[in-house]
Every structure is written in structure tokens, then in C-alpha cells.
Amino acid sequence: MSEFEAELHRHVSALRKLIASARTEGNDLAVDSLVGELEGLIGLAERNDVDTAQLQQVLAAETGAIPIVAPADEPS
């Protein structure tokens, strides 16, 4: 992994923590802004020929495109 890719992944990790914190606080504006930053990082990665498959999965999870299913033994 190049230094660029490593730094990109560090930024994504930091953004995910900030998104989680903003959600906990109920700050929808911050969540939207941070998700926008995440989308920007993915665009930057694409323009630099970095494989974005994993980053696209992160984005899908953060935007709710991937539904979270409760385990069978937990009520939904």
C-alpha cells in the first residue's frame, strides 16, 4: 500500500469516528457534511487510480445503502 493510500485510509477511519459521534449527538448537519467529505475522498482516490471497492462499501454502510439486519435471536 502506498503512503497515499495509507493516508487515505487514515482519513476515512477518522471520518467514520466523527460520523459516529455526530450521529450519537443527533447532529444531522454534521453527519451530512462528513459523509460529503467521505464522498470527496473516494473521488480523490478514483482520480488517482486507487481501488475504491472497500471505500465504496464504507460509504454504503455510512449512508444506509447497506441495511443492518438484526441477528435472528434479537428482536427487530
PDB file of N, CA and C in Angstrom:
ATOM      1  N   MET A   1       0.852  -1.169   0.000  1.00  0.00           N
ATOM      2  CA  MET A   1       0.000   0.000   0.000  1.00  0.00           C
ATOM      3  C   MET A   1       0.899   1.233   0.000  1.00  0.00           C
ATOM      4  N   SER A   2       0.582   2.147  -0.884  1.00  0.00           N
ATOM      5  CA  SER A   2       1.372   3.379  -0.966  1.00  0.00           C
ATOM      6  C   SER A   2       1.081   4.290   0.228  1.00  0.00           C
ATOM      7  N   GLU A   3       1.934   5.254   0.422  1.00  0.00           N
ATOM      8  CA  GLU A   3       1.726   6.223   1.502  1.00  0.00           C
ATOM      9  C   GLU A   3       0.428   7.001   1.275  1.00  0.00           C
ATOM     10  N   PHE A   4       0.126   7.298   0.016  1.00  0.00           N
ATOM     11  CA  PHE A   4      -1.118   7.994  -0.324  1.00  0.00           C
ATOM     12  C   PHE A   4      -2.322   7.171   0.125  1.00  0.00           C
ATOM     13  N   GLU A   5      -2.316   5.872  -0.201  1.00  0.00           N
ATOM     14  CA  GLU A   5      -3.424   5.002   0.181  1.00  0.00           C
ATOM     15  C   GLU A   5      -3.526   4.864   1.693  1.00  0.00           C
ATOM     16  N   ALA A   6      -2.395   4.758   2.367  1.00  0.00           N
ATOM     17  CA  ALA A   6      -2.402   4.644   3.826  1.00  0.00           C
ATOM     18  C   ALA A   6      -3.000   5.904   4.459  1.00  0.00           C
ATOM     19  N   GLU A   7      -2.622   7.057   3.936  1.00  0.00           N
ATOM     20  CA  GLU A   7      -3.159   8.317   4.460  1.00  0.00           C
ATOM     21  C   GLU A   7      -4.653   8.423   4.166  1.00  0.00           C
ATOM     22  N   LEU A   8      -5.054   7.985   3.012  1.00  0.00           N
ATOM     23  CA  LEU A   8      -6.462   7.977   2.644  1.00  0.00           C
ATOM     24  C   LEU A   8      -7.264   7.130   3.629  1.00  0.00           C
ATOM     25  N   HIS A   9      -6.763   5.955   3.943  1.00  0.00           N
ATOM     26  CA  HIS A   9      -7.451   5.068   4.887  1.00  0.00           C
ATOM     27  C   HIS A   9      -7.477   5.661   6.295  1.00  0.00           C
ATOM     28  N   ARG A  10      -6.428   6.372   6.685  1.00  0.00           N
ATOM     29  CA  ARG A  10      -6.437   7.050   7.997  1.00  0.00           C
ATOM     30  C   ARG A  10      -7.523   8.118   8.038  1.00  0.00           C
ATOM     31  N   HIS A  11      -7.652   8.868   6.956  1.00  0.00           N
ATOM     32  CA  HIS A  11      -8.692   9.903   6.894  1.00  0.00           C
ATOM     33  C   HIS A  11     -10.087   9.286   6.948  1.00  0.00           C
ATOM     34  N   VAL A  12     -10.279   8.197   6.219  1.00  0.00           N
ATOM     35  CA  VAL A  12     -11.573   7.526   6.220  1.00  0.00           C
ATOM     36  C   VAL A  12     -11.901   7.022   7.625  1.00  0.00           C
ATOM     37  N   SER A  13     -10.940   6.448   8.292  1.00  0.00           N
ATOM     38  CA  SER A  13     -11.150   5.959   9.657  1.00  0.00           C
ATOM     39  C   SER A  13     -11.535   7.102  10.594  1.00  0.00           C
ATOM     40  N   ALA A  14     -10.833   8.221  10.477  1.00  0.00           N
ATOM     41  CA  ALA A  14     -11.141   9.384  11.312  1.00  0.00           C
ATOM     42  C   ALA A  14     -12.542   9.914  11.009  1.00  0.00           C
ATOM     43  N   LEU A  15     -12.905   9.957   9.727  1.00  0.00           N
ATOM     44  CA  LEU A  15     -14.239  10.422   9.350  1.00  0.00           C
ATOM     45  C   LEU A  15     -15.317   9.511   9.915  1.00  0.00           C
ATOM     46  N   ARG A  16     -15.094   8.209   9.891  1.00  0.00           N
ATOM     47  CA  ARG A  16     -16.093   7.273  10.429  1.00  0.00           C
ATOM     48  C   ARG A  16     -16.312   7.511  11.916  1.00  0.00           C
ATOM     49  N   LYS A  17     -15.248   7.805  12.644  1.00  0.00           N
ATOM     50  CA  LYS A  17     -15.390   8.099  14.076  1.00  0.00           C
ATOM     51  C   LYS A  17     -16.171   9.389  14.276  1.00  0.00           C
ATOM     52  N   LEU A  18     -15.874  10.392  13.462  1.00  0.00           N
ATOM     53  CA  LEU A  18     -16.590  11.662  13.568  1.00  0.00           C
ATOM     54  C   LEU A  18     -18.066  11.505  13.199  1.00  0.00           C
ATOM     55  N   ILE A  19     -18.344  10.698  12.184  1.00  0.00           N
ATOM     56  CA  ILE A  19     -19.726  10.445  11.787  1.00  0.00           C
ATOM     57  C   ILE A  19     -20.474   9.757  12.924  1.00  0.00           C
ATOM     58  N   ALA A  20     -19.859   8.764  13.525  1.00  0.00           N
ATOM     59  CA  ALA A  20     -20.496   8.051  14.644  1.00  0.00           C
ATOM     60  C   ALA A  20     -20.778   9.008  15.794  1.00  0.00           C
ATOM     61  N   SER A  21     -19.830   9.870  16.087  1.00  0.00           N
ATOM     62  CA  SER A  21     -20.006  10.840  17.163  1.00  0.00           C
ATOM     63  C   SER A  21     -21.136  11.815  16.836  1.00  0.00           C
ATOM     64  N   ALA A  22     -21.165  12.303  15.603  1.00  0.00           N
ATOM     65  CA  ALA A  22     -22.219  13.242  15.199  1.00  0.00           C
ATOM     66  C   ALA A  22     -23.587  12.574  15.266  1.00  0.00           C
ATOM     67  N   ARG A  23     -23.653  11.300  14.904  1.00  0.00           N
ATOM     68  CA  ARG A  23     -24.932  10.580  14.995  1.00  0.00           C
ATOM     69  C   ARG A  23     -25.368  10.439  16.448  1.00  0.00           C
ATOM     70  N   THR A  24     -24.420  10.124  17.310  1.00  0.00           N
ATOM     71  CA  THR A  24     -24.724   9.988  18.730  1.00  0.00           C
ATOM     72  C   THR A  24     -25.285  11.295  19.292  1.00  0.00           C
ATOM     73  N   GLU A  25     -24.737  12.405  18.816  1.00  0.00           N
ATOM     74  CA  GLU A  25     -25.177  13.723  19.267  1.00  0.00           C
ATOM     75  C   GLU A  25     -26.450  14.184  18.555  1.00  0.00           C
ATOM     76  N   GLY A  26     -26.886  13.447  17.545  1.00  0.00           N
ATOM     77  CA  GLY A  26     -28.068  13.827  16.794  1.00  0.00           C
ATOM     78  C   GLY A  26     -27.839  15.011  15.866  1.00  0.00           C
ATOM     79  N   ASN A  27     -26.587  15.221  15.469  1.00  0.00           N
ATOM     80  CA  ASN A  27     -26.219  16.358  14.624  1.00  0.00           C
ATOM     81  C   ASN A  27     -26.244  15.932  13.150  1.00  0.00           C
ATOM     82  N   ASP A  28     -27.448  15.986  12.560  1.00  0.00           N
ATOM     83  CA  ASP A  28     -27.619  15.532  11.176  1.00  0.00           C
ATOM     84  C   ASP A  28     -26.832  16.377  10.183  1.00  0.00           C
ATOM     85  N   LEU A  29     -26.708  17.658  10.439  1.00  0.00           N
ATOM     86  CA  LEU A  29     -25.953  18.527   9.539  1.00  0.00           C
ATOM     87  C   LEU A  29     -24.488  18.096   9.478  1.00  0.00           C
ATOM     88  N   ALA A  30     -23.912  17.805  10.634  1.00  0.00           N
ATOM     89  CA  ALA A  30     -22.523  17.345  10.683  1.00  0.00           C
ATOM     90  C   ALA A  30     -22.380  15.997   9.978  1.00  0.00           C
ATOM     91  N   VAL A  31     -23.342  15.101  10.180  1.00  0.00           N
ATOM     92  CA  VAL A  31     -23.300  13.792   9.519  1.00  0.00           C
ATOM     93  C   VAL A  31     -23.284  13.981   8.009  1.00  0.00           C
ATOM     94  N   ASP A  32     -24.193  14.818   7.497  1.00  0.00           N
ATOM     95  CA  ASP A  32     -24.254  15.056   6.057  1.00  0.00           C
ATOM     96  C   ASP A  32     -22.948  15.644   5.534  1.00  0.00           C
ATOM     97  N   SER A  33     -22.395  16.577   6.274  1.00  0.00           N
ATOM     98  CA  SER A  33     -21.140  17.206   5.867  1.00  0.00           C
ATOM     99  C   SER A  33     -19.994  16.199   5.847  1.00  0.00           C
ATOM    100  N   LEU A  34     -19.910  15.374   6.864  1.00  0.00           N
ATOM    101  CA  LEU A  34     -18.848  14.385   6.961  1.00  0.00           C
ATOM    102  C   LEU A  34     -18.982  13.305   5.894  1.00  0.00           C
ATOM    103  N   VAL A  35     -20.221  12.911   5.586  1.00  0.00           N
ATOM    104  CA  VAL A  35     -20.439  11.943   4.513  1.00  0.00           C
ATOM    105  C   VAL A  35     -20.009  12.564   3.185  1.00  0.00           C
ATOM    106  N   GLY A  36     -20.248  13.862   3.024  1.00  0.00           N
ATOM    107  CA  GLY A  36     -19.774  14.562   1.829  1.00  0.00           C
ATOM    108  C   GLY A  36     -18.263  14.532   1.724  1.00  0.00           C
ATOM    109  N   GLU A  37     -17.589  14.699   2.863  1.00  0.00           N
ATOM    110  CA  GLU A  37     -16.123  14.602   2.867  1.00  0.00           C
ATOM    111  C   GLU A  37     -15.675  13.204   2.469  1.00  0.00           C
ATOM    112  N   LEU A  38     -16.386  12.209   2.965  1.00  0.00           N
ATOM    113  CA  LEU A  38     -16.071  10.821   2.617  1.00  0.00           C
ATOM    114  C   LEU A  38     -16.227  10.604   1.110  1.00  0.00           C
ATOM    115  N   GLU A  39     -17.299  11.130   0.547  1.00  0.00           N
ATOM    116  CA  GLU A  39     -17.502  11.029  -0.895  1.00  0.00           C
ATOM    117  C   GLU A  39     -16.369  11.729  -1.652  1.00  0.00           C
ATOM    118  N   GLY A  40     -15.920  12.858  -1.134  1.00  0.00           N
ATOM    119  CA  GLY A  40     -14.811  13.574  -1.754  1.00  0.00           C
ATOM    120  C   GLY A  40     -13.523  12.772  -1.736  1.00  0.00           C
ATOM    121  N   LEU A  41     -13.271  12.082  -0.632  1.00  0.00           N
ATOM    122  CA  LEU A  41     -12.071  11.240  -0.547  1.00  0.00           C
ATOM    123  C   LEU A  41     -12.134  10.088  -1.550  1.00  0.00           C
ATOM    124  N   ILE A  42     -13.329   9.543  -1.726  1.00  0.00           N
ATOM    125  CA  ILE A  42     -13.483   8.460  -2.702  1.00  0.00           C
ATOM    126  C   ILE A  42     -13.218   8.994  -4.107  1.00  0.00           C
ATOM    127  N   GLY A  43     -13.718  10.181  -4.397  1.00  0.00           N
ATOM    128  CA  GLY A  43     -13.453  10.797  -5.696  1.00  0.00           C
ATOM    129  C   GLY A  43     -11.968  11.036  -5.908  1.00  0.00           C
ATOM    130  N   LEU A  44     -11.289  11.502  -4.876  1.00  0.00           N
ATOM    131  CA  LEU A  44      -9.849  11.718  -4.948  1.00  0.00           C
ATOM    132  C   LEU A  44      -9.128  10.405  -5.221  1.00  0.00           C
ATOM    133  N   ALA A  45      -9.538   9.359  -4.538  1.00  0.00           N
ATOM    134  CA  ALA A  45      -8.924   8.044  -4.744  1.00  0.00           C
ATOM    135  C   ALA A  45      -9.129   7.576  -6.180  1.00  0.00           C
ATOM    136  N   GLU A  46     -10.349   7.741  -6.690  1.00  0.00           N
ATOM    137  CA  GLU A  46     -10.633   7.318  -8.065  1.00  0.00           C
ATOM    138  C   GLU A  46      -9.769   8.076  -9.070  1.00  0.00           C
ATOM    139  N   ARG A  47      -9.610   9.383  -8.855  1.00  0.00           N
ATOM    140  CA  ARG A  47      -8.799  10.193  -9.779  1.00  0.00           C
ATOM    141  C   ARG A  47      -7.324   9.814  -9.735  1.00  0.00           C
ATOM    142  N   ASN A  48      -6.924   9.115  -8.680  1.00  0.00           N
ATOM    143  CA  ASN A  48      -5.531   8.704  -8.537  1.00  0.00           C
ATOM    144  C   ASN A  48      -5.367   7.193  -8.711  1.00  0.00           C
ATOM    145  N   ASP A  49      -6.330   6.588  -9.384  1.00  0.00           N
ATOM    146  CA  ASP A  49      -6.277   5.163  -9.729  1.00  0.00           C
ATOM    147  C   ASP A  49      -6.112   4.234  -8.531  1.00  0.00           C
ATOM    148  N   VAL A  50      -6.756   4.595  -7.432  1.00  0.00           N
ATOM    149  CA  VAL A  50      -6.761   3.735  -6.245  1.00  0.00           C
ATOM    150  C   VAL A  50      -8.044   2.911  -6.283  1.00  0.00           C
ATOM    151  N   ASP A  51      -7.944   1.626  -5.995  1.00  0.00           N
ATOM    152  CA  ASP A  51      -9.119   0.757  -5.933  1.00  0.00           C
ATOM    153  C   ASP A  51     -10.027   1.263  -4.816  1.00  0.00           C
ATOM    154  N   THR A  52     -11.259   1.585  -5.151  1.00  0.00           N
ATOM    155  CA  THR A  52     -12.179   2.178  -4.167  1.00  0.00           C
ATOM    156  C   THR A  52     -13.277   1.217  -3.721  1.00  0.00           C
ATOM    157  N   ALA A  53     -13.158  -0.052  -4.046  1.00  0.00           N
ATOM    158  CA  ALA A  53     -14.208  -1.016  -3.683  1.00  0.00           C
ATOM    159  C   ALA A  53     -14.482  -1.009  -2.184  1.00  0.00           C
ATOM    160  N   GLN A  54     -13.443  -1.056  -1.384  1.00  0.00           N
ATOM    161  CA  GLN A  54     -13.620  -1.063   0.072  1.00  0.00           C
ATOM    162  C   GLN A  54     -14.191   0.275   0.543  1.00  0.00           C
ATOM    163  N   LEU A  55     -13.725   1.367  -0.038  1.00  0.00           N
ATOM    164  CA  LEU A  55     -14.228   2.684   0.349  1.00  0.00           C
ATOM    165  C   LEU A  55     -15.696   2.845  -0.036  1.00  0.00           C
ATOM    166  N   GLN A  56     -16.088   2.268  -1.165  1.00  0.00           N
ATOM    167  CA  GLN A  56     -17.495   2.319  -1.578  1.00  0.00           C
ATOM    168  C   GLN A  56     -18.371   1.553  -0.585  1.00  0.00           C
ATOM    169  N   GLN A  57     -17.859   0.457  -0.044  1.00  0.00           N
ATOM    170  CA  GLN A  57     -18.604  -0.303   0.965  1.00  0.00           C
ATOM    171  C   GLN A  57     -18.766   0.515   2.237  1.00  0.00           C
ATOM    172  N   VAL A  58     -17.717   1.223   2.616  1.00  0.00           N
ATOM    173  CA  VAL A  58     -17.785   2.090   3.801  1.00  0.00           C
ATOM    174  C   VAL A  58     -18.848   3.154   3.573  1.00  0.00           C
ATOM    175  N   LEU A  59     -18.835   3.784   2.409  1.00  0.00           N
ATOM    176  CA  LEU A  59     -19.815   4.820   2.099  1.00  0.00           C
ATOM    177  C   LEU A  59     -21.229   4.248   2.134  1.00  0.00           C
ATOM    178  N   ALA A  60     -21.408   3.076   1.555  1.00  0.00           N
ATOM    179  CA  ALA A  60     -22.728   2.443   1.557  1.00  0.00           C
ATOM    180  C   ALA A  60     -23.202   2.175   2.985  1.00  0.00           C
ATOM    181  N   ALA A  61     -22.306   1.735   3.835  1.00  0.00           N
ATOM    182  CA  ALA A  61     -22.664   1.477   5.229  1.00  0.00           C
ATOM    183  C   ALA A  61     -23.018   2.774   5.953  1.00  0.00           C
ATOM    184  N   GLU A  62     -22.263   3.829   5.705  1.00  0.00           N
ATOM    185  CA  GLU A  62     -22.494   5.100   6.395  1.00  0.00           C
ATOM    186  C   GLU A  62     -23.741   5.826   5.909  1.00  0.00           C
ATOM    187  N   THR A  63     -24.156   5.559   4.678  1.00  0.00           N
ATOM    188  CA  THR A  63     -25.331   6.235   4.138  1.00  0.00           C
ATOM    189  C   THR A  63     -26.594   5.396   4.244  1.00  0.00           C
ATOM    190  N   GLY A  64     -26.456   4.185   4.772  1.00  0.00           N
ATOM    191  CA  GLY A  64     -27.618   3.330   4.944  1.00  0.00           C
ATOM    192  C   GLY A  64     -27.986   2.546   3.702  1.00  0.00           C
ATOM    193  N   ALA A  65     -27.139   2.558   2.688  1.00  0.00           N
ATOM    194  CA  ALA A  65     -27.412   1.793   1.477  1.00  0.00           C
ATOM    195  C   ALA A  65     -27.321   0.301   1.743  1.00  0.00           C
ATOM    196  N   ILE A  66     -26.568  -0.063   2.766  1.00  0.00           N
ATOM    197  CA  ILE A  66     -26.494  -1.460   3.196  1.00  0.00           C
ATOM    198  C   ILE A  66     -27.354  -1.569   4.448  1.00  0.00           C
ATOM    199  N   PRO A  67     -28.477  -2.277   4.378  1.00  0.00           N
ATOM    200  CA  PRO A  67     -29.338  -2.385   5.552  1.00  0.00           C
ATOM    201  C   PRO A  67     -28.674  -3.208   6.654  1.00  0.00           C
ATOM    202  N   ILE A  68     -28.913  -2.803   7.860  1.00  0.00           N
ATOM    203  CA  ILE A  68     -28.394  -3.536   9.011  1.00  0.00           C
ATOM    204  C   ILE A  68     -29.491  -4.482   9.478  1.00  0.00           C
ATOM    205  N   VAL A  69     -29.194  -5.760   9.465  1.00  0.00           N
ATOM    206  CA  VAL A  69     -30.168  -6.776   9.826  1.00  0.00           C
ATOM    207  C   VAL A  69     -29.818  -7.310  11.207  1.00  0.00           C
ATOM    208  N   ALA A  70     -30.811  -7.292  12.090  1.00  0.00           N
ATOM    209  CA  ALA A  70     -30.605  -7.822  13.441  1.00  0.00           C
ATOM    210  C   ALA A  70     -30.467  -9.332  13.378  1.00  0.00           C
ATOM    211  N   PRO A  71     -29.583  -9.900  14.204  1.00  0.00           N
ATOM    212  CA  PRO A  71     -29.476 -11.365  14.265  1.00  0.00           C
ATOM    213  C   PRO A  71     -30.820 -11.977  14.643  1.00  0.00           C
ATOM    214  N   ALA A  72     -31.030 -13.227  14.242  1.00  0.00           N
ATOM    215  CA  ALA A  72     -32.314 -13.898  14.445  1.00  0.00           C
ATOM    216  C   ALA A  72     -32.746 -13.957  15.907  1.00  0.00           C
ATOM    217  N   ASP A  73     -31.783 -13.977  16.838  1.00  0.00           N
ATOM    218  CA  ASP A  73     -32.140 -14.091  18.246  1.00  0.00           C
ATOM    219  C   ASP A  73     -32.418 -12.733  18.893  1.00  0.00           C
ATOM    220  N   GLU A  74     -32.320 -11.647  18.122  1.00  0.00           N
ATOM    221  CA  GLU A  74     -32.605 -10.306  18.643  1.00  0.00           C
ATOM    222  C   GLU A  74     -33.892  -9.790  18.019  1.00  0.00           C
ATOM    223  N   PRO A  75     -34.732  -9.132  18.832  1.00  0.00           N
ATOM    224  CA  PRO A  75     -35.934  -8.527  18.244  1.00  0.00           C
ATOM    225  C   PRO A  75     -35.564  -7.347  17.361  1.00  0.00           C
ATOM    226  N   SER A  76     -36.322  -7.127  16.300  1.00  0.00           N
ATOM    227  CA  SER A  76     -36.004  -6.011  15.404  1.00  0.00           C
ATOM    228  C   SER A  76     -36.791  -4.769  15.731  1.00  0.00           C
TER     229      SER A  76
END
